[in-house]
Structures are given as C-alpha cells and as structure tokens.
C-alpha cells in the first residue's frame, strides 16, 4: 500500500514559519496532483493547498493565500508546504494527499493520505 510520509511539523510562535515536506518512499507520484489538508481540534478536516504535476498550477484555501506556498520536486517525488506568518488558527494536524484526478478544491476525491504531522502555533 502506498504510504505518504509527512515531516517538518512542530511548535512555532505566531508570525513564524514552518516548512512541511511529504514524500512516498520509492515512488514519485508521476502525473498526480498532490496537496495538503488540515484538521484542527473539534473541527472538520479542510483543504489547504494543491499543486499539479507538470505546470505546477496551485490552488489555495482562502485563509492561507499569500501566507502559504505549495511546491514540488518531481525528481524527488516530494511536495512542500512553506507556511509563513503563521497564526494560532493554523494549529492543526496537516495531512499530505495525492490523486490522479483533480476537479475542484472541494469535490476532488483524494486517493492517498499520509498519517499527518502536528503544527502548533503559540500566540
């Protein structure tokens, strides 16, 4: 079974930055869209960002636009989420996802999920 492995989470002060990484050992996810979701305590899981394979077209949830940047290194099969100007409301478990078919940020069925990495922003 394909496994996505996230890393880079941790504790940071408000206004700080973190960079999350996600890779699938032994697989590059060629042709797949990859992205990130997050789930805060007591809240539903929500879409954060996604990026295409070839043109690198990116999509963002409104609250993170201008603060978060998603990117990928196709040769390494790795996707990144650079998070700047972090706020306490960004505190959540962040999940890496992958799919072959991207429709919209709310209707896409994501086929692969990682185990998640905790991001905690202290105010």
C-alpha atoms as a PDB file:
ATOM      1  CA  UNK A   1       0.000   0.000   0.000  1.00  0.00           C
ATOM      2  CA  UNK A   2       1.292   3.432  -0.951  1.00  0.00           C
ATOM      3  CA  UNK A   3       2.350   5.467   2.035  1.00  0.00           C
ATOM      4  CA  UNK A   4       2.760   9.223   2.151  1.00  0.00           C
ATOM      5  CA  UNK A   5       5.130  10.401   4.864  1.00  0.00           C
ATOM      6  CA  UNK A   6       4.949  13.934   6.200  1.00  0.00           C
ATOM      7  CA  UNK A   7       7.661  15.734   8.141  1.00  0.00           C
ATOM      8  CA  UNK A   8       8.506  19.225   9.347  1.00  0.00           C
ATOM      9  CA  UNK A   9       5.734  19.873  11.819  1.00  0.00           C
ATOM     10  CA  UNK A  10       6.388  21.338  15.239  1.00  0.00           C
ATOM     11  CA  UNK A  11       5.829  24.220  17.603  1.00  0.00           C
ATOM     12  CA  UNK A  12       6.314  27.790  16.398  1.00  0.00           C
ATOM     13  CA  UNK A  13       5.383  31.221  17.647  1.00  0.00           C
ATOM     14  CA  UNK A  14       2.779  33.292  15.888  1.00  0.00           C
ATOM     15  CA  UNK A  15       4.328  35.145  12.977  1.00  0.00           C
ATOM     16  CA  UNK A  16       6.903  32.441  12.451  1.00  0.00           C
ATOM     17  CA  UNK A  17       7.425  29.962   9.640  1.00  0.00           C
ATOM     18  CA  UNK A  18       7.493  26.225   9.089  1.00  0.00           C
ATOM     19  CA  UNK A  19       8.123  24.062   6.059  1.00  0.00           C
ATOM     20  CA  UNK A  20       6.319  20.764   5.715  1.00  0.00           C
ATOM     21  CA  UNK A  21       7.535  18.017   3.419  1.00  0.00           C
ATOM     22  CA  UNK A  22       5.819  14.937   2.067  1.00  0.00           C
ATOM     23  CA  UNK A  23       7.241  12.007   0.157  1.00  0.00           C
ATOM     24  CA  UNK A  24       6.296   8.482  -0.768  1.00  0.00           C
ATOM     25  CA  UNK A  25       9.287   6.183  -0.337  1.00  0.00           C
ATOM     26  CA  UNK A  26      10.105   4.526  -3.642  1.00  0.00           C
ATOM     27  CA  UNK A  27       7.509   6.444  -5.619  1.00  0.00           C
ATOM     28  CA  UNK A  28       7.475   9.816  -7.399  1.00  0.00           C
ATOM     29  CA  UNK A  29       3.708  10.159  -7.938  1.00  0.00           C
ATOM     30  CA  UNK A  30       4.275  10.985 -11.577  1.00  0.00           C
ATOM     31  CA  UNK A  31       1.179  12.592 -13.080  1.00  0.00           C
ATOM     32  CA  UNK A  32      -0.570  13.017  -9.736  1.00  0.00           C
ATOM     33  CA  UNK A  33      -1.888  16.134  -8.104  1.00  0.00           C
ATOM     34  CA  UNK A  34      -0.601  16.437  -4.555  1.00  0.00           C
ATOM     35  CA  UNK A  35      -1.820  18.593  -1.746  1.00  0.00           C
ATOM     36  CA  UNK A  36      -2.383  19.289   1.904  1.00  0.00           C
ATOM     37  CA  UNK A  37      -5.359  19.147   4.229  1.00  0.00           C
ATOM     38  CA  UNK A  38      -5.524  20.059   7.895  1.00  0.00           C
ATOM     39  CA  UNK A  39      -7.724  19.261  10.860  1.00  0.00           C
ATOM     40  CA  UNK A  40      -7.887  21.387  13.968  1.00  0.00           C
ATOM     41  CA  UNK A  41      -9.251  20.052  17.274  1.00  0.00           C
ATOM     42  CA  UNK A  42     -13.035  19.888  17.179  1.00  0.00           C
ATOM     43  CA  UNK A  43     -13.210  20.925  13.540  1.00  0.00           C
ATOM     44  CA  UNK A  44     -13.705  19.155  10.247  1.00  0.00           C
ATOM     45  CA  UNK A  45     -10.785  18.391   8.025  1.00  0.00           C
ATOM     46  CA  UNK A  46     -10.289  21.141   5.446  1.00  0.00           C
ATOM     47  CA  UNK A  47      -8.446  21.630   2.177  1.00  0.00           C
ATOM     48  CA  UNK A  48      -5.323  23.801   2.395  1.00  0.00           C
ATOM     49  CA  UNK A  49      -3.485  23.662  -0.925  1.00  0.00           C
ATOM     50  CA  UNK A  50      -2.866  21.532  -4.016  1.00  0.00           C
ATOM     51  CA  UNK A  51      -0.429  21.508  -6.925  1.00  0.00           C
ATOM     52  CA  UNK A  52      -0.429  19.874 -10.340  1.00  0.00           C
ATOM     53  CA  UNK A  53       2.262  17.672 -11.800  1.00  0.00           C
ATOM     54  CA  UNK A  54       3.562  19.352 -14.928  1.00  0.00           C
ATOM     55  CA  UNK A  55       2.571  23.020 -14.964  1.00  0.00           C
ATOM     56  CA  UNK A  56       2.707  23.280 -11.199  1.00  0.00           C
ATOM     57  CA  UNK A  57      -0.650  25.038 -11.124  1.00  0.00           C
ATOM     58  CA  UNK A  58      -1.501  25.679  -7.499  1.00  0.00           C
ATOM     59  CA  UNK A  59      -4.709  26.126  -5.533  1.00  0.00           C
ATOM     60  CA  UNK A  60      -5.151  27.525  -2.029  1.00  0.00           C
ATOM     61  CA  UNK A  61      -7.803  27.825   0.621  1.00  0.00           C
ATOM     62  CA  UNK A  62      -8.679  31.493   1.051  1.00  0.00           C
ATOM     63  CA  UNK A  63      -7.352  31.880   4.603  1.00  0.00           C
ATOM     64  CA  UNK A  64      -3.830  30.777   3.625  1.00  0.00           C
ATOM     65  CA  UNK A  65      -3.467  32.684   0.343  1.00  0.00           C
ATOM     66  CA  UNK A  66      -0.443  34.958   0.484  1.00  0.00           C
ATOM     67  CA  UNK A  67       0.983  33.147   3.512  1.00  0.00           C
ATOM     68  CA  UNK A  68       1.401  29.538   2.385  1.00  0.00           C
ATOM     69  CA  UNK A  69       3.205  28.310  -0.719  1.00  0.00           C
ATOM     70  CA  UNK A  70       2.949  24.802  -2.101  1.00  0.00           C
ATOM     71  CA  UNK A  71       5.674  23.447  -4.339  1.00  0.00           C
ATOM     72  CA  UNK A  72       7.008  20.115  -5.519  1.00  0.00           C
ATOM     73  CA  UNK A  73      10.208  18.481  -6.672  1.00  0.00           C
ATOM     74  CA  UNK A  74       9.115  15.884  -9.198  1.00  0.00           C
ATOM     75  CA  UNK A  75      12.523  14.267  -9.401  1.00  0.00           C
ATOM     76  CA  UNK A  76      12.424  13.585  -5.679  1.00  0.00           C
ATOM     77  CA  UNK A  77       8.728  12.844  -5.544  1.00  0.00           C
ATOM     78  CA  UNK A  78       8.357  15.389  -2.763  1.00  0.00           C
ATOM     79  CA  UNK A  79       5.791  18.090  -2.122  1.00  0.00           C
ATOM     80  CA  UNK A  80       6.370  21.008   0.230  1.00  0.00           C
ATOM     81  CA  UNK A  81       4.218  23.462   2.102  1.00  0.00           C
ATOM     82  CA  UNK A  82       6.008  26.636   3.113  1.00  0.00           C
ATOM     83  CA  UNK A  83       3.978  28.332   5.839  1.00  0.00           C
ATOM     84  CA  UNK A  84       4.782  31.932   6.721  1.00  0.00           C
ATOM     85  CA  UNK A  85       3.137  34.475   9.021  1.00  0.00           C
ATOM     86  CA  UNK A  86       1.624  31.629  10.996  1.00  0.00           C
ATOM     87  CA  UNK A  87      -1.386  32.308  13.184  1.00  0.00           C
ATOM     88  CA  UNK A  88      -2.800  30.427  16.151  1.00  0.00           C
ATOM     89  CA  UNK A  89      -5.714  29.358  13.954  1.00  0.00           C
ATOM     90  CA  UNK A  90      -3.275  27.464  11.730  1.00  0.00           C
ATOM     91  CA  UNK A  91      -2.757  24.997  14.579  1.00  0.00           C
ATOM     92  CA  UNK A  92      -3.820  21.594  13.263  1.00  0.00           C
ATOM     93  CA  UNK A  93      -2.679  18.206  12.093  1.00  0.00           C
ATOM     94  CA  UNK A  94      -1.580  18.591   8.475  1.00  0.00           C
ATOM     95  CA  UNK A  95      -2.109  15.717   6.041  1.00  0.00           C
ATOM     96  CA  UNK A  96      -0.442  15.128   2.705  1.00  0.00           C
ATOM     97  CA  UNK A  97      -2.698  13.830  -0.089  1.00  0.00           C
ATOM     98  CA  UNK A  98      -2.433  12.656  -3.674  1.00  0.00           C
ATOM     99  CA  UNK A  99      -4.814  11.967  -6.540  1.00  0.00           C
ATOM    100  CA  UNK A 100      -4.761  11.411 -10.294  1.00  0.00           C
ATOM    101  CA  UNK A 101      -7.921  13.395 -10.971  1.00  0.00           C
ATOM    102  CA  UNK A 102      -8.332  16.902  -9.639  1.00  0.00           C
ATOM    103  CA  UNK A 103     -11.692  18.583 -10.138  1.00  0.00           C
ATOM    104  CA  UNK A 104     -12.109  21.415  -7.640  1.00  0.00           C
ATOM    105  CA  UNK A 105     -10.752  22.164  -4.193  1.00  0.00           C
ATOM    106  CA  UNK A 106     -13.976  20.884  -2.616  1.00  0.00           C
ATOM    107  CA  UNK A 107     -15.006  17.979  -4.860  1.00  0.00           C
ATOM    108  CA  UNK A 108     -11.760  16.190  -5.571  1.00  0.00           C
ATOM    109  CA  UNK A 109     -11.513  12.650  -4.298  1.00  0.00           C
ATOM    110  CA  UNK A 110      -8.067  12.241  -2.785  1.00  0.00           C
ATOM    111  CA  UNK A 111      -6.913   8.635  -3.088  1.00  0.00           C
ATOM    112  CA  UNK A 112      -3.860   8.652  -0.843  1.00  0.00           C
ATOM    113  CA  UNK A 113      -3.404  10.161   2.602  1.00  0.00           C
ATOM    114  CA  UNK A 114      -0.476  10.449   4.958  1.00  0.00           C
ATOM    115  CA  UNK A 115      -0.623   9.933   8.721  1.00  0.00           C
ATOM    116  CA  UNK A 116      -0.347  13.632   9.459  1.00  0.00           C
ATOM    117  CA  UNK A 117       2.088  15.949  11.189  1.00  0.00           C
ATOM    118  CA  UNK A 118       1.210  18.294  14.043  1.00  0.00           C
ATOM    119  CA  UNK A 119       1.668  22.028  13.642  1.00  0.00           C
ATOM    120  CA  UNK A 120       1.175  24.108  16.764  1.00  0.00           C
ATOM    121  CA  UNK A 121       1.297  27.901  16.657  1.00  0.00           C
ATOM    122  CA  UNK A 122       1.586  29.632  20.017  1.00  0.00           C
ATOM    123  CA  UNK A 123       0.228  33.141  20.432  1.00  0.00           C
END
